[in-house]
């Protein structure tokens, strides 16, 4: 299931590597020190603190998140069910999650902006969760991730929008009850409405494939199609909105459905504080995804720059 998406990710990584070589060559061959300085990459920890709610019996999915599946509170319950020797003969399947739950998480990707077009990142995610009637679990690392983002084409005042490809591989940390590997790929089109690119329209698609380290459990792919737009004020505050439709294929334990498939709306709103070079200084993201009942997620982004140009 992951092979087609892996091919896309591999092609993107080759493109990122080629861009990095070209960047280094241009900086090394020039005699102008200002060119060398401008080509130095930004290096920062793109810290993301998030709070999410999950309806009972649901696997909350949505726009890309590093710990999307690895830190989900119902996976430990699903792991316990999958280990039952008599699961195939049970007349009815016990509830995977009898109550709603909440999760507090932290994503810590070390990000390198090689230039204005290409970024690569890698890091880990940690979370703690609780269900109604139970205490909070310990805050532990649940997954690691690597990925890239590349503007494969830039509009630059033309009629063809900027095309951005982003792909992230997430793997459960050792010791997680039900290990998973997910590949999240986003293709987005950004059509700027003015020369400063402070107003524009967005359209895109996201595809998430998940492989579970258990022959008894299957999680089907998730697809999101969306449209949106953005506006950046003179004081460098930027608002971005996306609305779309999410289609999740559901999940099975043996031949039994434990997560029902659904096709439902999804909304994401971003408010970011940028600097004059369009580097993010602070950001807040609010997301509502119907799964099919509403699931809410709030994320605060606080980049810590180690090298900034």
C-alpha atoms as a PDB file:
ATOM      1  CA  UNK A   1       0.000   0.000   0.000  1.00  0.00           C
ATOM      2  CA  UNK A   2       2.885   2.344   0.772  1.00  0.00           C
ATOM      3  CA  UNK A   3       4.918   1.610  -2.366  1.00  0.00           C
ATOM      4  CA  UNK A   4       3.316   4.152  -4.783  1.00  0.00           C
ATOM      5  CA  UNK A   5       3.549   6.944  -2.200  1.00  0.00           C
ATOM      6  CA  UNK A   6       7.118   5.922  -1.350  1.00  0.00           C
ATOM      7  CA  UNK A   7       8.076   6.334  -5.004  1.00  0.00           C
ATOM      8  CA  UNK A   8       6.707   9.894  -4.910  1.00  0.00           C
ATOM      9  CA  UNK A   9       8.619  10.607  -1.704  1.00  0.00           C
ATOM     10  CA  UNK A  10      11.837   9.165  -3.148  1.00  0.00           C
ATOM     11  CA  UNK A  11      11.510  11.297  -6.293  1.00  0.00           C
ATOM     12  CA  UNK A  12      11.004  14.348  -4.099  1.00  0.00           C
ATOM     13  CA  UNK A  13      14.080  13.542  -2.016  1.00  0.00           C
ATOM     14  CA  UNK A  14      16.167  13.238  -5.197  1.00  0.00           C
ATOM     15  CA  UNK A  15      14.874  16.662  -6.237  1.00  0.00           C
ATOM     16  CA  UNK A  16      15.722  18.087  -2.796  1.00  0.00           C
ATOM     17  CA  UNK A  17      19.241  16.620  -2.983  1.00  0.00           C
ATOM     18  CA  UNK A  18      19.789  18.050  -6.472  1.00  0.00           C
ATOM     19  CA  UNK A  19      18.577  21.467  -5.304  1.00  0.00           C
ATOM     20  CA  UNK A  20      21.014  21.324  -2.380  1.00  0.00           C
ATOM     21  CA  UNK A  21      23.912  20.540  -4.715  1.00  0.00           C
ATOM     22  CA  UNK A  22      22.985  23.425  -6.990  1.00  0.00           C
ATOM     23  CA  UNK A  23      22.732  25.726  -3.984  1.00  0.00           C
ATOM     24  CA  UNK A  24      26.175  24.799  -2.724  1.00  0.00           C
ATOM     25  CA  UNK A  25      27.691  25.171  -6.190  1.00  0.00           C
ATOM     26  CA  UNK A  26      26.270  28.651  -6.727  1.00  0.00           C
ATOM     27  CA  UNK A  27      27.521  29.840  -3.348  1.00  0.00           C
ATOM     28  CA  UNK A  28      30.969  28.335  -3.760  1.00  0.00           C
ATOM     29  CA  UNK A  29      31.645  29.655  -7.263  1.00  0.00           C
ATOM     30  CA  UNK A  30      30.664  33.276  -6.572  1.00  0.00           C
ATOM     31  CA  UNK A  31      33.113  35.847  -5.242  1.00  0.00           C
ATOM     32  CA  UNK A  32      30.463  38.024  -3.669  1.00  0.00           C
ATOM     33  CA  UNK A  33      30.317  37.405   0.085  1.00  0.00           C
ATOM     34  CA  UNK A  34      26.727  38.643   0.189  1.00  0.00           C
ATOM     35  CA  UNK A  35      25.706  35.843  -2.178  1.00  0.00           C
ATOM     36  CA  UNK A  36      27.348  33.280   0.097  1.00  0.00           C
ATOM     37  CA  UNK A  37      25.609  34.717   3.146  1.00  0.00           C
ATOM     38  CA  UNK A  38      22.218  34.757   1.434  1.00  0.00           C
ATOM     39  CA  UNK A  39      22.606  31.100   0.481  1.00  0.00           C
ATOM     40  CA  UNK A  40      23.265  29.961   4.067  1.00  0.00           C
ATOM     41  CA  UNK A  41      20.313  27.866   5.260  1.00  0.00           C
ATOM     42  CA  UNK A  42      17.905  28.654   8.084  1.00  0.00           C
ATOM     43  CA  UNK A  43      18.122  26.046  10.847  1.00  0.00           C
ATOM     44  CA  UNK A  44      15.470  25.932  13.546  1.00  0.00           C
ATOM     45  CA  UNK A  45      13.340  23.748  15.794  1.00  0.00           C
ATOM     46  CA  UNK A  46       9.776  24.155  14.521  1.00  0.00           C
ATOM     47  CA  UNK A  47       8.154  23.381  17.883  1.00  0.00           C
ATOM     48  CA  UNK A  48       4.441  22.528  17.692  1.00  0.00           C
ATOM     49  CA  UNK A  49       2.377  22.135  20.841  1.00  0.00           C
ATOM     50  CA  UNK A  50      -1.068  20.676  20.198  1.00  0.00           C
ATOM     51  CA  UNK A  51      -4.238  19.755  22.027  1.00  0.00           C
ATOM     52  CA  UNK A  52      -6.768  17.426  20.378  1.00  0.00           C
ATOM     53  CA  UNK A  53     -10.087  15.787  21.212  1.00  0.00           C
ATOM     54  CA  UNK A  54     -11.257  12.451  19.805  1.00  0.00           C
ATOM     55  CA  UNK A  55     -14.883  11.236  19.750  1.00  0.00           C
ATOM     56  CA  UNK A  56     -15.557   7.767  21.146  1.00  0.00           C
ATOM     57  CA  UNK A  57     -14.743   4.897  18.801  1.00  0.00           C
ATOM     58  CA  UNK A  58     -13.018   7.045  16.181  1.00  0.00           C
ATOM     59  CA  UNK A  59      -9.577   7.335  14.673  1.00  0.00           C
ATOM     60  CA  UNK A  60      -9.090  11.073  14.204  1.00  0.00           C
ATOM     61  CA  UNK A  61      -7.354  11.958  10.963  1.00  0.00           C
ATOM     62  CA  UNK A  62      -7.004  15.235   9.133  1.00  0.00           C
ATOM     63  CA  UNK A  63      -4.380  17.593   7.741  1.00  0.00           C
ATOM     64  CA  UNK A  64      -0.821  16.425   8.174  1.00  0.00           C
ATOM     65  CA  UNK A  65       0.487  15.771  11.668  1.00  0.00           C
ATOM     66  CA  UNK A  66       3.741  14.040  12.571  1.00  0.00           C
ATOM     67  CA  UNK A  67       2.294  11.838  15.322  1.00  0.00           C
ATOM     68  CA  UNK A  68      -0.975  11.306  13.465  1.00  0.00           C
ATOM     69  CA  UNK A  69      -1.397   7.618  14.229  1.00  0.00           C
ATOM     70  CA  UNK A  70       1.469   6.639  16.508  1.00  0.00           C
ATOM     71  CA  UNK A  71       0.208   8.653  19.458  1.00  0.00           C
ATOM     72  CA  UNK A  72      -3.488   7.930  19.090  1.00  0.00           C
ATOM     73  CA  UNK A  73      -5.021   6.790  22.416  1.00  0.00           C
ATOM     74  CA  UNK A  74      -7.206   4.014  20.937  1.00  0.00           C
ATOM     75  CA  UNK A  75      -4.302   2.128  19.329  1.00  0.00           C
ATOM     76  CA  UNK A  76      -3.245   0.507  22.610  1.00  0.00           C
ATOM     77  CA  UNK A  77      -6.795  -0.819  23.027  1.00  0.00           C
ATOM     78  CA  UNK A  78      -6.733  -2.088  19.446  1.00  0.00           C
ATOM     79  CA  UNK A  79      -3.382  -3.786  20.132  1.00  0.00           C
ATOM     80  CA  UNK A  80      -4.854  -5.626  23.122  1.00  0.00           C
ATOM     81  CA  UNK A  81      -7.777  -6.845  21.022  1.00  0.00           C
ATOM     82  CA  UNK A  82      -5.523  -8.013  18.196  1.00  0.00           C
ATOM     83  CA  UNK A  83      -3.548 -10.163  20.659  1.00  0.00           C
ATOM     84  CA  UNK A  84      -6.615 -12.126  21.813  1.00  0.00           C
ATOM     85  CA  UNK A  85      -6.280 -15.727  20.685  1.00  0.00           C
ATOM     86  CA  UNK A  86     -10.054 -16.185  20.340  1.00  0.00           C
ATOM     87  CA  UNK A  87     -10.751 -12.900  18.536  1.00  0.00           C
ATOM     88  CA  UNK A  88     -11.933 -14.706  15.382  1.00  0.00           C
ATOM     89  CA  UNK A  89     -14.608 -16.664  17.283  1.00  0.00           C
ATOM     90  CA  UNK A  90     -16.048 -13.824  19.371  1.00  0.00           C
ATOM     91  CA  UNK A  91     -19.712 -13.199  18.418  1.00  0.00           C
ATOM     92  CA  UNK A  92     -19.307  -9.436  18.867  1.00  0.00           C
ATOM     93  CA  UNK A  93     -16.212  -7.278  18.939  1.00  0.00           C
ATOM     94  CA  UNK A  94     -15.596  -5.252  22.142  1.00  0.00           C
ATOM     95  CA  UNK A  95     -15.610  -1.488  21.704  1.00  0.00           C
ATOM     96  CA  UNK A  96     -12.228  -0.099  20.708  1.00  0.00           C
ATOM     97  CA  UNK A  97     -12.850   3.151  22.564  1.00  0.00           C
ATOM     98  CA  UNK A  98     -15.974   3.282  24.765  1.00  0.00           C
ATOM     99  CA  UNK A  99     -15.469   6.979  25.618  1.00  0.00           C
ATOM    100  CA  UNK A 100     -14.086  10.149  24.145  1.00  0.00           C
ATOM    101  CA  UNK A 101     -10.462  11.085  24.783  1.00  0.00           C
ATOM    102  CA  UNK A 102      -8.064  14.008  24.775  1.00  0.00           C
ATOM    103  CA  UNK A 103      -4.402  14.284  23.849  1.00  0.00           C
ATOM    104  CA  UNK A 104      -1.660  16.830  24.502  1.00  0.00           C
ATOM    105  CA  UNK A 105       1.284  16.511  22.164  1.00  0.00           C
ATOM    106  CA  UNK A 106       4.578  18.077  21.126  1.00  0.00           C
ATOM    107  CA  UNK A 107       6.202  17.830  17.695  1.00  0.00           C
ATOM    108  CA  UNK A 108       9.930  18.651  17.590  1.00  0.00           C
ATOM    109  CA  UNK A 109      11.217  18.631  14.005  1.00  0.00           C
ATOM    110  CA  UNK A 110      14.672  20.071  13.334  1.00  0.00           C
ATOM    111  CA  UNK A 111      14.097  21.990  10.104  1.00  0.00           C
ATOM    112  CA  UNK A 112      16.635  23.213   7.560  1.00  0.00           C
ATOM    113  CA  UNK A 113      15.529  25.710   4.896  1.00  0.00           C
ATOM    114  CA  UNK A 114      18.126  25.032   2.213  1.00  0.00           C
ATOM    115  CA  UNK A 115      16.812  27.990   0.206  1.00  0.00           C
ATOM    116  CA  UNK A 116      13.510  29.780  -0.476  1.00  0.00           C
ATOM    117  CA  UNK A 117      12.147  26.658  -2.171  1.00  0.00           C
ATOM    118  CA  UNK A 118      13.452  23.592  -0.343  1.00  0.00           C
ATOM    119  CA  UNK A 119      13.200  22.517   3.305  1.00  0.00           C
ATOM    120  CA  UNK A 120      14.074  19.222   4.961  1.00  0.00           C
ATOM    121  CA  UNK A 121      13.206  18.174   8.505  1.00  0.00           C
ATOM    122  CA  UNK A 122      13.365  15.336  10.991  1.00  0.00           C
ATOM    123  CA  UNK A 123      12.490  14.892  14.632  1.00  0.00           C
ATOM    124  CA  UNK A 124      10.179  13.238  17.123  1.00  0.00           C
ATOM    125  CA  UNK A 125       6.690  13.541  18.599  1.00  0.00           C
ATOM    126  CA  UNK A 126       5.591  13.001  22.195  1.00  0.00           C
ATOM    127  CA  UNK A 127       2.152  12.968  23.772  1.00  0.00           C
ATOM    128  CA  UNK A 128      -0.004  12.195  26.793  1.00  0.00           C
ATOM    129  CA  UNK A 129      -3.679  11.237  26.683  1.00  0.00           C
ATOM    130  CA  UNK A 130      -6.670  10.497  28.841  1.00  0.00           C
ATOM    131  CA  UNK A 131     -10.145   9.073  28.378  1.00  0.00           C
ATOM    132  CA  UNK A 132     -13.271   9.981  30.308  1.00  0.00           C
ATOM    133  CA  UNK A 133     -12.996   8.359  33.708  1.00  0.00           C
ATOM    134  CA  UNK A 134      -9.236   7.735  33.552  1.00  0.00           C
ATOM    135  CA  UNK A 135      -6.149   9.713  34.496  1.00  0.00           C
ATOM    136  CA  UNK A 136      -3.628  11.218  32.115  1.00  0.00           C
ATOM    137  CA  UNK A 137      -1.012   8.829  30.807  1.00  0.00           C
ATOM    138  CA  UNK A 138       2.692   9.581  31.072  1.00  0.00           C
ATOM    139  CA  UNK A 139       4.110  12.063  28.574  1.00  0.00           C
ATOM    140  CA  UNK A 140       6.302   9.886  26.329  1.00  0.00           C
ATOM    141  CA  UNK A 141       7.907   9.925  22.892  1.00  0.00           C
ATOM    142  CA  UNK A 142       5.686   7.933  20.529  1.00  0.00           C
ATOM    143  CA  UNK A 143       7.142   8.459  17.035  1.00  0.00           C
ATOM    144  CA  UNK A 144       9.919   9.915  14.890  1.00  0.00           C
ATOM    145  CA  UNK A 145       9.626  11.494  11.463  1.00  0.00           C
ATOM    146  CA  UNK A 146      11.592  12.703   8.452  1.00  0.00           C
ATOM    147  CA  UNK A 147      10.369  14.674   5.463  1.00  0.00           C
ATOM    148  CA  UNK A 148      10.819  17.469   2.983  1.00  0.00           C
ATOM    149  CA  UNK A 149       8.924  20.349   1.392  1.00  0.00           C
ATOM    150  CA  UNK A 150       9.766  21.612  -2.075  1.00  0.00           C
ATOM    151  CA  UNK A 151       8.325  24.372  -4.282  1.00  0.00           C
ATOM    152  CA  UNK A 152       8.800  22.394  -7.484  1.00  0.00           C
ATOM    153  CA  UNK A 153       7.520  25.371  -9.510  1.00  0.00           C
ATOM    154  CA  UNK A 154       7.252  29.053  -8.570  1.00  0.00           C
ATOM    155  CA  UNK A 155       4.676  31.428 -10.016  1.00  0.00           C
ATOM    156  CA  UNK A 156       6.893  34.543  -9.990  1.00  0.00           C
ATOM    157  CA  UNK A 157       4.202  36.748 -11.511  1.00  0.00           C
ATOM    158  CA  UNK A 158       3.158  34.242 -14.159  1.00  0.00           C
ATOM    159  CA  UNK A 159      -0.172  32.567 -14.797  1.00  0.00           C
ATOM    160  CA  UNK A 160       0.804  29.115 -13.476  1.00  0.00           C
ATOM    161  CA  UNK A 161       0.519  28.836  -9.672  1.00  0.00           C
ATOM    162  CA  UNK A 162       3.315  27.812  -7.344  1.00  0.00           C
ATOM    163  CA  UNK A 163       3.317  24.015  -6.918  1.00  0.00           C
ATOM    164  CA  UNK A 164       4.476  22.660  -3.556  1.00  0.00           C
ATOM    165  CA  UNK A 165       5.155  19.013  -2.723  1.00  0.00           C
ATOM    166  CA  UNK A 166       5.527  17.890   0.898  1.00  0.00           C
ATOM    167  CA  UNK A 167       6.051  14.360   2.122  1.00  0.00           C
ATOM    168  CA  UNK A 168       6.559  13.033   5.676  1.00  0.00           C
ATOM    169  CA  UNK A 169       7.372   9.512   6.855  1.00  0.00           C
ATOM    170  CA  UNK A 170       6.362   8.794  10.468  1.00  0.00           C
ATOM    171  CA  UNK A 171       7.388   5.673  12.375  1.00  0.00           C
ATOM    172  CA  UNK A 172       6.278   4.595  15.848  1.00  0.00           C
ATOM    173  CA  UNK A 173       8.923   4.733  18.555  1.00  0.00           C
ATOM    174  CA  UNK A 174      10.180   1.441  20.044  1.00  0.00           C
ATOM    175  CA  UNK A 175       7.850   0.131  22.718  1.00  0.00           C
ATOM    176  CA  UNK A 176       4.617   1.483  21.219  1.00  0.00           C
ATOM    177  CA  UNK A 177       1.869  -1.133  21.625  1.00  0.00           C
ATOM    178  CA  UNK A 178       0.815  -1.206  17.972  1.00  0.00           C
ATOM    179  CA  UNK A 179       3.697  -0.022  15.742  1.00  0.00           C
ATOM    180  CA  UNK A 180       2.738   1.824  12.551  1.00  0.00           C
ATOM    181  CA  UNK A 181       4.487   3.498   9.646  1.00  0.00           C
ATOM    182  CA  UNK A 182       2.655   6.286   7.831  1.00  0.00           C
ATOM    183  CA  UNK A 183       3.475   8.285   4.712  1.00  0.00           C
ATOM    184  CA  UNK A 184       1.718  11.631   4.388  1.00  0.00           C
ATOM    185  CA  UNK A 185       2.009  13.426   1.021  1.00  0.00           C
ATOM    186  CA  UNK A 186       0.568  16.861   0.191  1.00  0.00           C
ATOM    187  CA  UNK A 187       0.408  18.521  -3.234  1.00  0.00           C
ATOM    188  CA  UNK A 188      -0.686  22.178  -3.073  1.00  0.00           C
ATOM    189  CA  UNK A 189      -1.256  24.882  -5.703  1.00  0.00           C
ATOM    190  CA  UNK A 190      -0.797  28.529  -4.638  1.00  0.00           C
ATOM    191  CA  UNK A 191      -2.030  31.237  -7.020  1.00  0.00           C
ATOM    192  CA  UNK A 192      -0.884  34.694  -5.878  1.00  0.00           C
ATOM    193  CA  UNK A 193      -3.223  37.586  -6.705  1.00  0.00           C
ATOM    194  CA  UNK A 194      -0.631  40.356  -6.441  1.00  0.00           C
ATOM    195  CA  UNK A 195       3.067  40.897  -7.095  1.00  0.00           C
ATOM    196  CA  UNK A 196       3.968  40.854  -3.372  1.00  0.00           C
ATOM    197  CA  UNK A 197       2.226  37.480  -2.973  1.00  0.00           C
ATOM    198  CA  UNK A 198       0.362  38.692   0.105  1.00  0.00           C
ATOM    199  CA  UNK A 199      -3.038  37.613  -1.250  1.00  0.00           C
ATOM    200  CA  UNK A 200      -3.772  34.357  -2.975  1.00  0.00           C
ATOM    201  CA  UNK A 201      -5.869  31.264  -3.558  1.00  0.00           C
ATOM    202  CA  UNK A 202      -5.040  27.680  -2.580  1.00  0.00           C
ATOM    203  CA  UNK A 203      -6.076  24.243  -3.777  1.00  0.00           C
ATOM    204  CA  UNK A 204      -4.573  20.920  -2.859  1.00  0.00           C
ATOM    205  CA  UNK A 205      -4.806  17.270  -1.964  1.00  0.00           C
ATOM    206  CA  UNK A 206      -3.380  15.121   0.814  1.00  0.00           C
ATOM    207  CA  UNK A 207      -2.939  11.346   0.783  1.00  0.00           C
ATOM    208  CA  UNK A 208      -2.035   9.364   3.909  1.00  0.00           C
ATOM    209  CA  UNK A 209      -1.149   5.672   3.799  1.00  0.00           C
ATOM    210  CA  UNK A 210      -0.598   3.637   6.979  1.00  0.00           C
ATOM    211  CA  UNK A 211       1.066   0.244   7.420  1.00  0.00           C
ATOM    212  CA  UNK A 212       0.495  -1.609  10.714  1.00  0.00           C
ATOM    213  CA  UNK A 213       2.993  -4.124  12.118  1.00  0.00           C
ATOM    214  CA  UNK A 214       0.251  -6.691  12.653  1.00  0.00           C
ATOM    215  CA  UNK A 215      -1.297  -9.074  10.096  1.00  0.00           C
ATOM    216  CA  UNK A 216      -4.614  -8.761  11.926  1.00  0.00           C
ATOM    217  CA  UNK A 217      -4.998  -4.984  11.696  1.00  0.00           C
ATOM    218  CA  UNK A 218      -5.544  -2.901   8.567  1.00  0.00           C
ATOM    219  CA  UNK A 219      -5.907   0.885   8.392  1.00  0.00           C
ATOM    220  CA  UNK A 220      -7.061   2.054   4.973  1.00  0.00           C
ATOM    221  CA  UNK A 221      -5.787   5.255   3.296  1.00  0.00           C
ATOM    222  CA  UNK A 222      -7.113   8.719   4.023  1.00  0.00           C
ATOM    223  CA  UNK A 223      -7.618  11.382   1.323  1.00  0.00           C
ATOM    224  CA  UNK A 224      -8.275  15.118   1.751  1.00  0.00           C
ATOM    225  CA  UNK A 225      -9.149  17.527  -1.056  1.00  0.00           C
ATOM    226  CA  UNK A 226      -9.406  21.223  -0.205  1.00  0.00           C
ATOM    227  CA  UNK A 227      -9.522  24.835  -1.408  1.00  0.00           C
ATOM    228  CA  UNK A 228      -8.665  28.013   0.450  1.00  0.00           C
ATOM    229  CA  UNK A 229      -6.928  31.350   0.443  1.00  0.00           C
ATOM    230  CA  UNK A 230      -4.660  33.660   2.420  1.00  0.00           C
ATOM    231  CA  UNK A 231      -4.158  37.341   3.197  1.00  0.00           C
ATOM    232  CA  UNK A 232      -1.088  38.993   4.739  1.00  0.00           C
ATOM    233  CA  UNK A 233      -1.357  42.462   6.276  1.00  0.00           C
ATOM    234  CA  UNK A 234       1.326  45.162   6.171  1.00  0.00           C
ATOM    235  CA  UNK A 235       2.286  44.321   9.779  1.00  0.00           C
ATOM    236  CA  UNK A 236       3.204  40.769   8.615  1.00  0.00           C
ATOM    237  CA  UNK A 237       0.303  38.961  10.259  1.00  0.00           C
ATOM    238  CA  UNK A 238      -0.976  36.303   7.851  1.00  0.00           C
ATOM    239  CA  UNK A 239      -4.319  34.489   7.856  1.00  0.00           C
ATOM    240  CA  UNK A 240      -4.856  31.278   5.878  1.00  0.00           C
ATOM    241  CA  UNK A 241      -8.071  29.281   5.600  1.00  0.00           C
ATOM    242  CA  UNK A 242      -8.680  25.862   4.077  1.00  0.00           C
ATOM    243  CA  UNK A 243     -11.977  23.971   3.721  1.00  0.00           C
ATOM    244  CA  UNK A 244     -12.401  20.605   2.115  1.00  0.00           C
ATOM    245  CA  UNK A 245     -13.681  17.070   2.196  1.00  0.00           C
ATOM    246  CA  UNK A 246     -11.972  14.140   3.894  1.00  0.00           C
ATOM    247  CA  UNK A 247     -12.535  10.525   2.893  1.00  0.00           C
ATOM    248  CA  UNK A 248     -11.247   7.816   5.249  1.00  0.00           C
ATOM    249  CA  UNK A 249     -11.347   4.165   4.217  1.00  0.00           C
ATOM    250  CA  UNK A 250     -11.849   2.833   7.749  1.00  0.00           C
ATOM    251  CA  UNK A 251      -9.985   0.172   9.688  1.00  0.00           C
ATOM    252  CA  UNK A 252     -10.384  -3.566  10.180  1.00  0.00           C
ATOM    253  CA  UNK A 253      -9.393  -6.143  12.770  1.00  0.00           C
ATOM    254  CA  UNK A 254      -9.320  -9.429  10.839  1.00  0.00           C
ATOM    255  CA  UNK A 255     -12.545  -9.212   8.811  1.00  0.00           C
ATOM    256  CA  UNK A 256     -14.337  -6.956  11.295  1.00  0.00           C
ATOM    257  CA  UNK A 257     -14.710  -3.210  10.926  1.00  0.00           C
ATOM    258  CA  UNK A 258     -13.459  -1.326  13.995  1.00  0.00           C
ATOM    259  CA  UNK A 259     -13.294   2.145  12.399  1.00  0.00           C
ATOM    260  CA  UNK A 260     -16.133   2.966  10.037  1.00  0.00           C
ATOM    261  CA  UNK A 261     -15.317   4.600   6.678  1.00  0.00           C
ATOM    262  CA  UNK A 262     -16.593   8.138   6.240  1.00  0.00           C
ATOM    263  CA  UNK A 263     -16.570  11.128   3.904  1.00  0.00           C
ATOM    264  CA  UNK A 264     -16.974  14.346   5.870  1.00  0.00           C
ATOM    265  CA  UNK A 265     -16.006  18.070   5.853  1.00  0.00           C
ATOM    266  CA  UNK A 266     -12.778  19.404   7.297  1.00  0.00           C
ATOM    267  CA  UNK A 267     -11.735  22.983   8.161  1.00  0.00           C
ATOM    268  CA  UNK A 268      -8.316  24.411   9.011  1.00  0.00           C
ATOM    269  CA  UNK A 269      -7.543  28.032   9.996  1.00  0.00           C
ATOM    270  CA  UNK A 270      -4.005  29.430  10.442  1.00  0.00           C
ATOM    271  CA  UNK A 271      -2.861  32.745  11.909  1.00  0.00           C
ATOM    272  CA  UNK A 272       0.890  33.382  11.596  1.00  0.00           C
ATOM    273  CA  UNK A 273       3.250  36.180  12.475  1.00  0.00           C
ATOM    274  CA  UNK A 274       5.909  36.503   9.758  1.00  0.00           C
ATOM    275  CA  UNK A 275       9.055  38.598   9.483  1.00  0.00           C
ATOM    276  CA  UNK A 276      10.063  40.720   6.494  1.00  0.00           C
ATOM    277  CA  UNK A 277      11.709  37.678   4.859  1.00  0.00           C
ATOM    278  CA  UNK A 278       8.581  35.527   5.273  1.00  0.00           C
ATOM    279  CA  UNK A 279      10.046  33.428   8.076  1.00  0.00           C
ATOM    280  CA  UNK A 280       7.429  32.313  10.599  1.00  0.00           C
ATOM    281  CA  UNK A 281       7.903  33.789  14.069  1.00  0.00           C
ATOM    282  CA  UNK A 282       4.717  32.470  15.695  1.00  0.00           C
ATOM    283  CA  UNK A 283       1.616  30.604  14.567  1.00  0.00           C
ATOM    284  CA  UNK A 284      -1.719  29.233  15.760  1.00  0.00           C
ATOM    285  CA  UNK A 285      -3.700  26.565  13.892  1.00  0.00           C
ATOM    286  CA  UNK A 286      -7.275  25.483  14.606  1.00  0.00           C
ATOM    287  CA  UNK A 287      -8.712  22.402  12.890  1.00  0.00           C
ATOM    288  CA  UNK A 288     -12.146  20.800  12.959  1.00  0.00           C
ATOM    289  CA  UNK A 289     -12.562  17.420  11.277  1.00  0.00           C
ATOM    290  CA  UNK A 290     -15.768  15.421  11.328  1.00  0.00           C
ATOM    291  CA  UNK A 291     -14.813  11.751  11.875  1.00  0.00           C
ATOM    292  CA  UNK A 292     -17.864  11.579  11.547  1.00  0.00           C
ATOM    293  CA  UNK A 293     -18.443  13.408  14.857  1.00  0.00           C
ATOM    294  CA  UNK A 294     -16.396  16.598  15.346  1.00  0.00           C
ATOM    295  CA  UNK A 295     -12.768  16.259  16.408  1.00  0.00           C
ATOM    296  CA  UNK A 296     -10.963  19.452  17.433  1.00  0.00           C
ATOM    297  CA  UNK A 297      -7.266  20.257  17.332  1.00  0.00           C
ATOM    298  CA  UNK A 298      -5.413  23.419  18.375  1.00  0.00           C
ATOM    299  CA  UNK A 299      -1.711  23.820  17.550  1.00  0.00           C
ATOM    300  CA  UNK A 300       0.701  26.556  18.641  1.00  0.00           C
ATOM    301  CA  UNK A 301       3.908  26.905  16.605  1.00  0.00           C
ATOM    302  CA  UNK A 302       6.936  28.566  18.215  1.00  0.00           C
ATOM    303  CA  UNK A 303      10.022  28.203  15.988  1.00  0.00           C
ATOM    304  CA  UNK A 304      13.378  28.422  17.768  1.00  0.00           C
ATOM    305  CA  UNK A 305      15.954  29.643  15.247  1.00  0.00           C
ATOM    306  CA  UNK A 306      19.489  28.340  15.598  1.00  0.00           C
ATOM    307  CA  UNK A 307      20.617  29.988  12.335  1.00  0.00           C
ATOM    308  CA  UNK A 308      18.465  32.682  10.717  1.00  0.00           C
ATOM    309  CA  UNK A 309      19.125  34.633   7.498  1.00  0.00           C
END
